[in-house]
Amino acid sequence: MTTPAPQPGPYATGPTPPLPAMGGSQAYPPPYQPAPRPRKTGPKILTFSGLAVLVAGVVAGVVGVAGAAGGIADLLPTDLVTTEGTAGSDALALGPSTEPLVFDVQGEGAYVVYEVSQGESARLPISAVTAEGPSGPLSITPPDQVGMLPTNGWSVFPVGVLVPAETGSHTLLVDESVAADDVGLAVGGPLNADSVAGIGGSGIVLLIGFLVGGLGFLLLIAGIIWWAVAKK
């Protein structure tokens, strides 16, 4: 009688795989390494450096504007004529254009000739005004600034600039064809050399402030962009 072969159990799925030999090794995937986070030191340094340079440029610009404004204020004849129509503290002499105007030159510099009236437009051309010094006639050059300057209720117009070569008594004369009793002639000066130099120096400071501020602004923008990219 033949003995039947044993049948596999209901949970058998196949032959049992052999066990790995002792002392063997099995390969495993390397552990996950996260990507290193970008350093933010560089963007911070660039951003705050740009901000500091920008602030320095703004401060220099403010100083330059204030200095230039102060120098210009010193040059403007804000007290050339009083409310009553008499000579103010900025005038060496003031009188009607129908009469010779005599003033005393005590130092070198530029002396500005002004028209003083109540009108809204100038009535005395530079060609109608002549100057006489101790040694003879003097030339009057056109002014650097034109237009009307309101002063204590009066209209002041620059007519020309006189640069005397010697001290002493000088006289201004107006052509009779344009002279009028309601139009005055005044002389102011000499111009403050320190104020003129101050305007030039303040202009340089203003330019430096503009350049430095522009550089700081560019550095600040570059730092912000770098910082934004580093966060991604």
C-alpha atoms as a PDB file:
ATOM      1  CA  MET A   1       0.000   0.000   0.000  1.00  0.00           C
ATOM      2  CA  THR A   2       1.371   3.369  -1.090  1.00  0.00           C
ATOM      3  CA  THR A   3       1.453   6.260   1.389  1.00  0.00           C
ATOM      4  CA  PRO A   4       0.130   9.551  -0.150  1.00  0.00           C
ATOM      5  CA  ALA A   5       2.478  12.556  -0.263  1.00  0.00           C
ATOM      6  CA  PRO A   6       1.719  15.275   2.224  1.00  0.00           C
ATOM      7  CA  GLN A   7      -0.349  18.129   0.817  1.00  0.00           C
ATOM      8  CA  PRO A   8       0.585  21.799   1.416  1.00  0.00           C
ATOM      9  CA  GLY A   9      -1.401  23.644   3.989  1.00  0.00           C
ATOM     10  CA  PRO A  10      -3.982  26.269   3.044  1.00  0.00           C
ATOM     11  CA  TYR A  11      -1.508  29.131   3.781  1.00  0.00           C
ATOM     12  CA  ALA A  12       1.416  27.796   1.840  1.00  0.00           C
ATOM     13  CA  THR A  13       2.436  30.002  -1.068  1.00  0.00           C
ATOM     14  CA  GLY A  14       5.476  28.261  -2.351  1.00  0.00           C
ATOM     15  CA  PRO A  15       8.822  27.047  -1.305  1.00  0.00           C
ATOM     16  CA  THR A  16      10.442  28.820   1.589  1.00  0.00           C
ATOM     17  CA  PRO A  17      13.297  31.044   0.418  1.00  0.00           C
ATOM     18  CA  PRO A  18      16.660  30.269   1.888  1.00  0.00           C
ATOM     19  CA  LEU A  19      17.912  32.458   4.691  1.00  0.00           C
ATOM     20  CA  PRO A  20      20.861  34.766   3.974  1.00  0.00           C
ATOM     21  CA  ALA A  21      24.182  33.515   5.069  1.00  0.00           C
ATOM     22  CA  MET A  22      25.465  34.734   8.384  1.00  0.00           C
ATOM     23  CA  GLY A  23      27.885  37.615   8.131  1.00  0.00           C
ATOM     24  CA  GLY A  24      26.511  38.835   4.789  1.00  0.00           C
ATOM     25  CA  SER A  25      25.522  42.465   4.043  1.00  0.00           C
ATOM     26  CA  GLN A  26      22.397  43.962   2.495  1.00  0.00           C
ATOM     27  CA  ALA A  27      22.378  47.358   0.622  1.00  0.00           C
ATOM     28  CA  TYR A  28      20.000  50.042   1.916  1.00  0.00           C
ATOM     29  CA  PRO A  29      19.285  53.442   0.286  1.00  0.00           C
ATOM     30  CA  PRO A  30      21.166  56.355   1.879  1.00  0.00           C
ATOM     31  CA  PRO A  31      19.196  58.460   4.342  1.00  0.00           C
ATOM     32  CA  TYR A  32      17.539  61.652   2.941  1.00  0.00           C
ATOM     33  CA  GLN A  33      19.773  64.704   3.154  1.00  0.00           C
ATOM     34  CA  PRO A  34      17.870  68.047   3.024  1.00  0.00           C
ATOM     35  CA  ALA A  35      19.340  70.752   0.799  1.00  0.00           C
ATOM     36  CA  PRO A  36      21.410  73.274   2.769  1.00  0.00           C
ATOM     37  CA  ARG A  37      19.578  76.545   3.439  1.00  0.00           C
ATOM     38  CA  PRO A  38      21.182  79.578   1.788  1.00  0.00           C
ATOM     39  CA  ARG A  39      23.018  81.908   4.113  1.00  0.00           C
ATOM     40  CA  LYS A  40      21.443  85.347   4.568  1.00  0.00           C
ATOM     41  CA  THR A  41      24.508  87.153   5.873  1.00  0.00           C
ATOM     42  CA  GLY A  42      25.413  88.575   2.471  1.00  0.00           C
ATOM     43  CA  PRO A  43      21.939  90.012   1.698  1.00  0.00           C
ATOM     44  CA  LYS A  44      21.718  91.549   5.170  1.00  0.00           C
ATOM     45  CA  ILE A  45      25.104  93.242   4.859  1.00  0.00           C
ATOM     46  CA  LEU A  46      24.305  94.585   1.388  1.00  0.00           C
ATOM     47  CA  THR A  47      20.835  95.780   2.356  1.00  0.00           C
ATOM     48  CA  PHE A  48      21.830  97.604   5.518  1.00  0.00           C
ATOM     49  CA  SER A  49      24.970  99.004   3.896  1.00  0.00           C
ATOM     50  CA  GLY A  50      22.849 100.418   1.098  1.00  0.00           C
ATOM     51  CA  LEU A  51      20.442 101.892   3.625  1.00  0.00           C
ATOM     52  CA  ALA A  52      23.289 103.544   5.535  1.00  0.00           C
ATOM     53  CA  VAL A  53      24.811 104.988   2.351  1.00  0.00           C
ATOM     54  CA  LEU A  54      21.399 106.252   1.257  1.00  0.00           C
ATOM     55  CA  VAL A  55      20.849 108.008   4.585  1.00  0.00           C
ATOM     56  CA  ALA A  56      24.311 109.587   4.373  1.00  0.00           C
ATOM     57  CA  GLY A  57      23.519 110.854   0.882  1.00  0.00           C
ATOM     58  CA  VAL A  58      20.213 112.348   2.019  1.00  0.00           C
ATOM     59  CA  VAL A  59      21.913 114.101   4.935  1.00  0.00           C
ATOM     60  CA  ALA A  60      24.582 115.540   2.615  1.00  0.00           C
ATOM     61  CA  GLY A  61      21.876 116.701   0.231  1.00  0.00           C
ATOM     62  CA  VAL A  62      19.962 118.459   2.992  1.00  0.00           C
ATOM     63  CA  VAL A  63      23.151 120.175   4.175  1.00  0.00           C
ATOM     64  CA  GLY A  64      23.923 121.282   0.617  1.00  0.00           C
ATOM     65  CA  VAL A  65      20.441 122.669   0.024  1.00  0.00           C
ATOM     66  CA  ALA A  66      20.467 124.529   3.342  1.00  0.00           C
ATOM     67  CA  GLY A  67      23.903 126.030   2.649  1.00  0.00           C
ATOM     68  CA  ALA A  68      22.968 127.129  -0.862  1.00  0.00           C
ATOM     69  CA  ALA A  69      19.707 128.636   0.341  1.00  0.00           C
ATOM     70  CA  GLY A  70      21.544 130.557   3.058  1.00  0.00           C
ATOM     71  CA  GLY A  71      24.107 131.875   0.590  1.00  0.00           C
ATOM     72  CA  ILE A  72      21.441 132.976  -1.877  1.00  0.00           C
ATOM     73  CA  ALA A  73      19.524 134.669   0.910  1.00  0.00           C
ATOM     74  CA  ASP A  74      22.653 136.643   1.803  1.00  0.00           C
ATOM     75  CA  LEU A  75      22.976 137.850  -1.792  1.00  0.00           C
ATOM     76  CA  LEU A  76      19.359 138.878  -2.263  1.00  0.00           C
ATOM     77  CA  PRO A  77      18.630 142.549  -1.417  1.00  0.00           C
ATOM     78  CA  THR A  78      15.727 141.791   0.900  1.00  0.00           C
ATOM     79  CA  ASP A  79      16.085 145.199   2.591  1.00  0.00           C
ATOM     80  CA  LEU A  80      17.106 147.345  -0.368  1.00  0.00           C
ATOM     81  CA  VAL A  81      14.163 149.704   0.091  1.00  0.00           C
ATOM     82  CA  THR A  82      11.917 150.319   3.090  1.00  0.00           C
ATOM     83  CA  THR A  83       8.153 150.485   3.059  1.00  0.00           C
ATOM     84  CA  GLU A  84       8.379 154.288   3.014  1.00  0.00           C
ATOM     85  CA  GLY A  85      10.605 154.211  -0.082  1.00  0.00           C
ATOM     86  CA  THR A  86      13.882 155.140   1.622  1.00  0.00           C
ATOM     87  CA  ALA A  87      17.181 153.272   1.388  1.00  0.00           C
ATOM     88  CA  GLY A  88      17.285 150.067   3.418  1.00  0.00           C
ATOM     89  CA  SER A  89      20.214 148.324   5.048  1.00  0.00           C
ATOM     90  CA  ASP A  90      21.157 146.550   1.778  1.00  0.00           C
ATOM     91  CA  ALA A  91      21.392 149.796  -0.235  1.00  0.00           C
ATOM     92  CA  LEU A  92      24.452 152.015  -0.468  1.00  0.00           C
ATOM     93  CA  ALA A  93      22.316 154.710  -2.089  1.00  0.00           C
ATOM     94  CA  LEU A  94      18.779 155.159  -3.375  1.00  0.00           C
ATOM     95  CA  GLY A  95      17.210 158.039  -5.245  1.00  0.00           C
ATOM     96  CA  PRO A  96      14.965 159.044  -8.173  1.00  0.00           C
ATOM     97  CA  SER A  97      16.229 158.162 -11.642  1.00  0.00           C
ATOM     98  CA  THR A  98      15.885 161.801 -12.708  1.00  0.00           C
ATOM     99  CA  GLU A  99      18.816 162.827 -10.479  1.00  0.00           C
ATOM    100  CA  PRO A 100      22.471 161.649 -10.321  1.00  0.00           C
ATOM    101  CA  LEU A 101      22.944 158.947  -7.731  1.00  0.00           C
ATOM    102  CA  VAL A 102      26.184 159.277  -5.770  1.00  0.00           C
ATOM    103  CA  PHE A 103      27.565 156.411  -3.689  1.00  0.00           C
ATOM    104  CA  ASP A 104      30.869 155.676  -2.012  1.00  0.00           C
ATOM    105  CA  VAL A 105      32.992 152.653  -2.885  1.00  0.00           C
ATOM    106  CA  GLN A 106      35.075 151.509   0.074  1.00  0.00           C
ATOM    107  CA  GLY A 107      36.198 148.064  -1.044  1.00  0.00           C
ATOM    108  CA  GLU A 108      36.583 145.737  -3.973  1.00  0.00           C
ATOM    109  CA  GLY A 109      33.658 143.686  -5.181  1.00  0.00           C
ATOM    110  CA  ALA A 110      30.634 143.691  -7.437  1.00  0.00           C
ATOM    111  CA  TYR A 111      28.080 146.458  -6.929  1.00  0.00           C
ATOM    112  CA  VAL A 112      24.626 145.766  -8.338  1.00  0.00           C
ATOM    113  CA  VAL A 113      22.490 148.546  -9.803  1.00  0.00           C
ATOM    114  CA  TYR A 114      18.741 148.151  -9.237  1.00  0.00           C
ATOM    115  CA  GLU A 115      15.584 149.771 -10.485  1.00  0.00           C
ATOM    116  CA  VAL A 116      12.983 150.434  -7.790  1.00  0.00           C
ATOM    117  CA  SER A 117       9.366 151.180  -8.691  1.00  0.00           C
ATOM    118  CA  GLN A 118       5.768 150.168  -8.140  1.00  0.00           C
ATOM    119  CA  GLY A 119       5.380 148.651 -11.607  1.00  0.00           C
ATOM    120  CA  GLU A 120       5.304 145.020 -12.664  1.00  0.00           C
ATOM    121  CA  SER A 121       7.883 145.370 -15.456  1.00  0.00           C
ATOM    122  CA  ALA A 122      11.315 147.001 -15.691  1.00  0.00           C
ATOM    123  CA  ARG A 123      11.546 150.447 -17.305  1.00  0.00           C
ATOM    124  CA  LEU A 124      15.286 151.191 -17.158  1.00  0.00           C
ATOM    125  CA  PRO A 125      17.424 149.301 -19.722  1.00  0.00           C
ATOM    126  CA  ILE A 126      21.090 148.818 -18.974  1.00  0.00           C
ATOM    127  CA  SER A 127      21.973 150.946 -21.992  1.00  0.00           C
ATOM    128  CA  ALA A 128      20.302 153.950 -20.352  1.00  0.00           C
ATOM    129  CA  VAL A 129      22.479 153.855 -17.206  1.00  0.00           C
ATOM    130  CA  THR A 130      26.075 155.101 -17.120  1.00  0.00           C
ATOM    131  CA  ALA A 131      28.613 155.160 -14.288  1.00  0.00           C
ATOM    132  CA  GLU A 132      31.371 157.639 -13.465  1.00  0.00           C
ATOM    133  CA  GLY A 133      34.289 156.967 -11.134  1.00  0.00           C
ATOM    134  CA  PRO A 134      37.116 159.140  -9.822  1.00  0.00           C
ATOM    135  CA  SER A 135      39.141 158.369 -12.952  1.00  0.00           C
ATOM    136  CA  GLY A 136      36.341 158.459 -15.528  1.00  0.00           C
ATOM    137  CA  PRO A 137      33.528 156.334 -16.991  1.00  0.00           C
ATOM    138  CA  LEU A 138      32.993 152.725 -15.912  1.00  0.00           C
ATOM    139  CA  SER A 139      31.258 149.932 -17.753  1.00  0.00           C
ATOM    140  CA  ILE A 140      28.141 148.236 -16.429  1.00  0.00           C
ATOM    141  CA  THR A 141      27.666 144.569 -17.322  1.00  0.00           C
ATOM    142  CA  PRO A 142      24.355 142.698 -17.528  1.00  0.00           C
ATOM    143  CA  PRO A 143      23.219 141.008 -14.302  1.00  0.00           C
ATOM    144  CA  ASP A 144      23.307 137.262 -13.800  1.00  0.00           C
ATOM    145  CA  GLN A 145      19.710 137.272 -12.552  1.00  0.00           C
ATOM    146  CA  VAL A 146      16.685 138.884 -14.163  1.00  0.00           C
ATOM    147  CA  GLY A 147      13.120 139.347 -13.044  1.00  0.00           C
ATOM    148  CA  MET A 148      11.300 141.181 -10.309  1.00  0.00           C
ATOM    149  CA  LEU A 149      12.028 140.831  -6.607  1.00  0.00           C
ATOM    150  CA  PRO A 150       9.214 142.062  -4.325  1.00  0.00           C
ATOM    151  CA  THR A 151      10.707 144.034  -1.445  1.00  0.00           C
ATOM    152  CA  ASN A 152       8.586 145.728   1.233  1.00  0.00           C
ATOM    153  CA  GLY A 153       5.810 146.516  -1.230  1.00  0.00           C
ATOM    154  CA  TRP A 154       8.190 147.684  -3.997  1.00  0.00           C
ATOM    155  CA  SER A 155       9.308 146.036  -7.229  1.00  0.00           C
ATOM    156  CA  VAL A 156      13.081 145.659  -7.513  1.00  0.00           C
ATOM    157  CA  PHE A 157      14.700 144.819 -10.874  1.00  0.00           C
ATOM    158  CA  PRO A 158      18.441 144.177 -11.400  1.00  0.00           C
ATOM    159  CA  VAL A 159      19.753 146.557 -14.056  1.00  0.00           C
ATOM    160  CA  GLY A 160      23.471 145.773 -14.178  1.00  0.00           C
ATOM    161  CA  VAL A 161      26.656 145.044 -12.268  1.00  0.00           C
ATOM    162  CA  LEU A 162      29.424 147.549 -11.635  1.00  0.00           C
ATOM    163  CA  VAL A 163      32.951 146.442 -10.626  1.00  0.00           C
ATOM    164  CA  PRO A 164      34.896 149.565  -9.578  1.00  0.00           C
ATOM    165  CA  ALA A 165      38.659 149.493  -9.954  1.00  0.00           C
ATOM    166  CA  GLU A 166      39.224 152.102  -7.253  1.00  0.00           C
ATOM    167  CA  THR A 167      37.613 153.385  -4.104  1.00  0.00           C
ATOM    168  CA  GLY A 168      36.001 156.762  -3.641  1.00  0.00           C
ATOM    169  CA  SER A 169      32.908 158.579  -4.870  1.00  0.00           C
ATOM    170  CA  HIS A 170      31.027 157.128  -7.873  1.00  0.00           C
ATOM    171  CA  THR A 171      27.984 158.455  -9.720  1.00  0.00           C
ATOM    172  CA  LEU A 172      25.190 156.803 -11.672  1.00  0.00           C
ATOM    173  CA  LEU A 173      23.306 158.706 -14.391  1.00  0.00           C
ATOM    174  CA  VAL A 174      20.115 157.719 -16.216  1.00  0.00           C
ATOM    175  CA  ASP A 175      19.265 158.852 -19.739  1.00  0.00           C
ATOM    176  CA  GLU A 176      16.671 161.633 -19.616  1.00  0.00           C
ATOM    177  CA  SER A 177      14.544 159.858 -22.222  1.00  0.00           C
ATOM    178  CA  VAL A 178      13.666 157.029 -19.817  1.00  0.00           C
ATOM    179  CA  ALA A 179      14.165 158.673 -16.416  1.00  0.00           C
ATOM    180  CA  ALA A 180      11.005 159.289 -14.376  1.00  0.00           C
ATOM    181  CA  ASP A 181      10.181 160.560 -10.915  1.00  0.00           C
ATOM    182  CA  ASP A 182       8.269 157.396 -10.046  1.00  0.00           C
ATOM    183  CA  VAL A 183      11.238 155.154 -10.944  1.00  0.00           C
ATOM    184  CA  GLY A 184      14.142 154.984  -8.522  1.00  0.00           C
ATOM    185  CA  LEU A 185      17.723 153.832  -8.847  1.00  0.00           C
ATOM    186  CA  ALA A 186      19.593 151.992  -6.113  1.00  0.00           C
ATOM    187  CA  VAL A 187      23.018 150.462  -5.578  1.00  0.00           C
ATOM    188  CA  GLY A 188      23.678 147.404  -3.436  1.00  0.00           C
ATOM    189  CA  GLY A 189      26.862 145.616  -2.521  1.00  0.00           C
ATOM    190  CA  PRO A 190      29.536 144.720  -2.623  1.00  0.00           C
ATOM    191  CA  LEU A 191      28.433 141.136  -2.914  1.00  0.00           C
ATOM    192  CA  ASN A 192      29.510 138.963  -0.020  1.00  0.00           C
ATOM    193  CA  ALA A 193      32.398 136.845  -1.297  1.00  0.00           C
ATOM    194  CA  ASP A 194      31.846 134.346   1.513  1.00  0.00           C
ATOM    195  CA  SER A 195      28.248 133.888   0.416  1.00  0.00           C
ATOM    196  CA  VAL A 196      29.285 133.369  -3.193  1.00  0.00           C
ATOM    197  CA  ALA A 197      31.900 130.809  -2.126  1.00  0.00           C
ATOM    198  CA  GLY A 198      29.366 129.224   0.194  1.00  0.00           C
ATOM    199  CA  ILE A 199      26.926 128.719  -2.654  1.00  0.00           C
ATOM    200  CA  GLY A 200      29.620 127.015  -4.726  1.00  0.00           C
ATOM    201  CA  GLY A 201      30.695 124.794  -1.843  1.00  0.00           C
ATOM    202  CA  SER A 202      27.106 123.915  -1.006  1.00  0.00           C
ATOM    203  CA  GLY A 203      26.521 123.008  -4.619  1.00  0.00           C
ATOM    204  CA  ILE A 204      29.428 120.563  -4.487  1.00  0.00           C
ATOM    205  CA  VAL A 205      28.081 119.038  -1.268  1.00  0.00           C
ATOM    206  CA  LEU A 206      24.650 118.740  -2.870  1.00  0.00           C
ATOM    207  CA  LEU A 207      26.130 116.966  -5.886  1.00  0.00           C
ATOM    208  CA  ILE A 208      28.082 114.567  -3.658  1.00  0.00           C
ATOM    209  CA  GLY A 209      24.938 113.876  -1.651  1.00  0.00           C
ATOM    210  CA  PHE A 210      23.026 113.124  -4.844  1.00  0.00           C
ATOM    211  CA  LEU A 211      25.684 110.692  -6.076  1.00  0.00           C
ATOM    212  CA  VAL A 212      26.097 108.983  -2.700  1.00  0.00           C
ATOM    213  CA  GLY A 213      22.344 108.732  -2.246  1.00  0.00           C
ATOM    214  CA  GLY A 214      21.956 107.193  -5.699  1.00  0.00           C
ATOM    215  CA  LEU A 215      24.636 104.613  -4.929  1.00  0.00           C
ATOM    216  CA  GLY A 216      22.975 103.796  -1.612  1.00  0.00           C
ATOM    217  CA  PHE A 217      19.606 103.375  -3.315  1.00  0.00           C
ATOM    218  CA  LEU A 218      21.069 100.928  -5.839  1.00  0.00           C
ATOM    219  CA  LEU A 219      22.787  98.931  -3.077  1.00  0.00           C
ATOM    220  CA  LEU A 220      19.567  98.838  -1.082  1.00  0.00           C
ATOM    221  CA  ILE A 221      17.541  97.538  -4.038  1.00  0.00           C
ATOM    222  CA  ALA A 222      20.208  94.933  -4.816  1.00  0.00           C
ATOM    223  CA  GLY A 223      20.216  93.771  -1.187  1.00  0.00           C
ATOM    224  CA  ILE A 224      16.425  93.472  -1.094  1.00  0.00           C
ATOM    225  CA  ILE A 225      16.403  91.428  -4.320  1.00  0.00           C
ATOM    226  CA  TRP A 226      19.180  89.173  -3.012  1.00  0.00           C
ATOM    227  CA  TRP A 227      17.329  88.713   0.267  1.00  0.00           C
ATOM    228  CA  ALA A 228      14.115  87.799  -1.541  1.00  0.00           C
ATOM    229  CA  VAL A 229      15.901  85.210  -3.708  1.00  0.00           C
ATOM    230  CA  ALA A 230      17.637  83.713  -0.668  1.00  0.00           C
ATOM    231  CA  LYS A 231      14.281  83.020   1.015  1.00  0.00           C
ATOM    232  CA  LYS A 232      13.122  80.767  -1.796  1.00  0.00           C
END
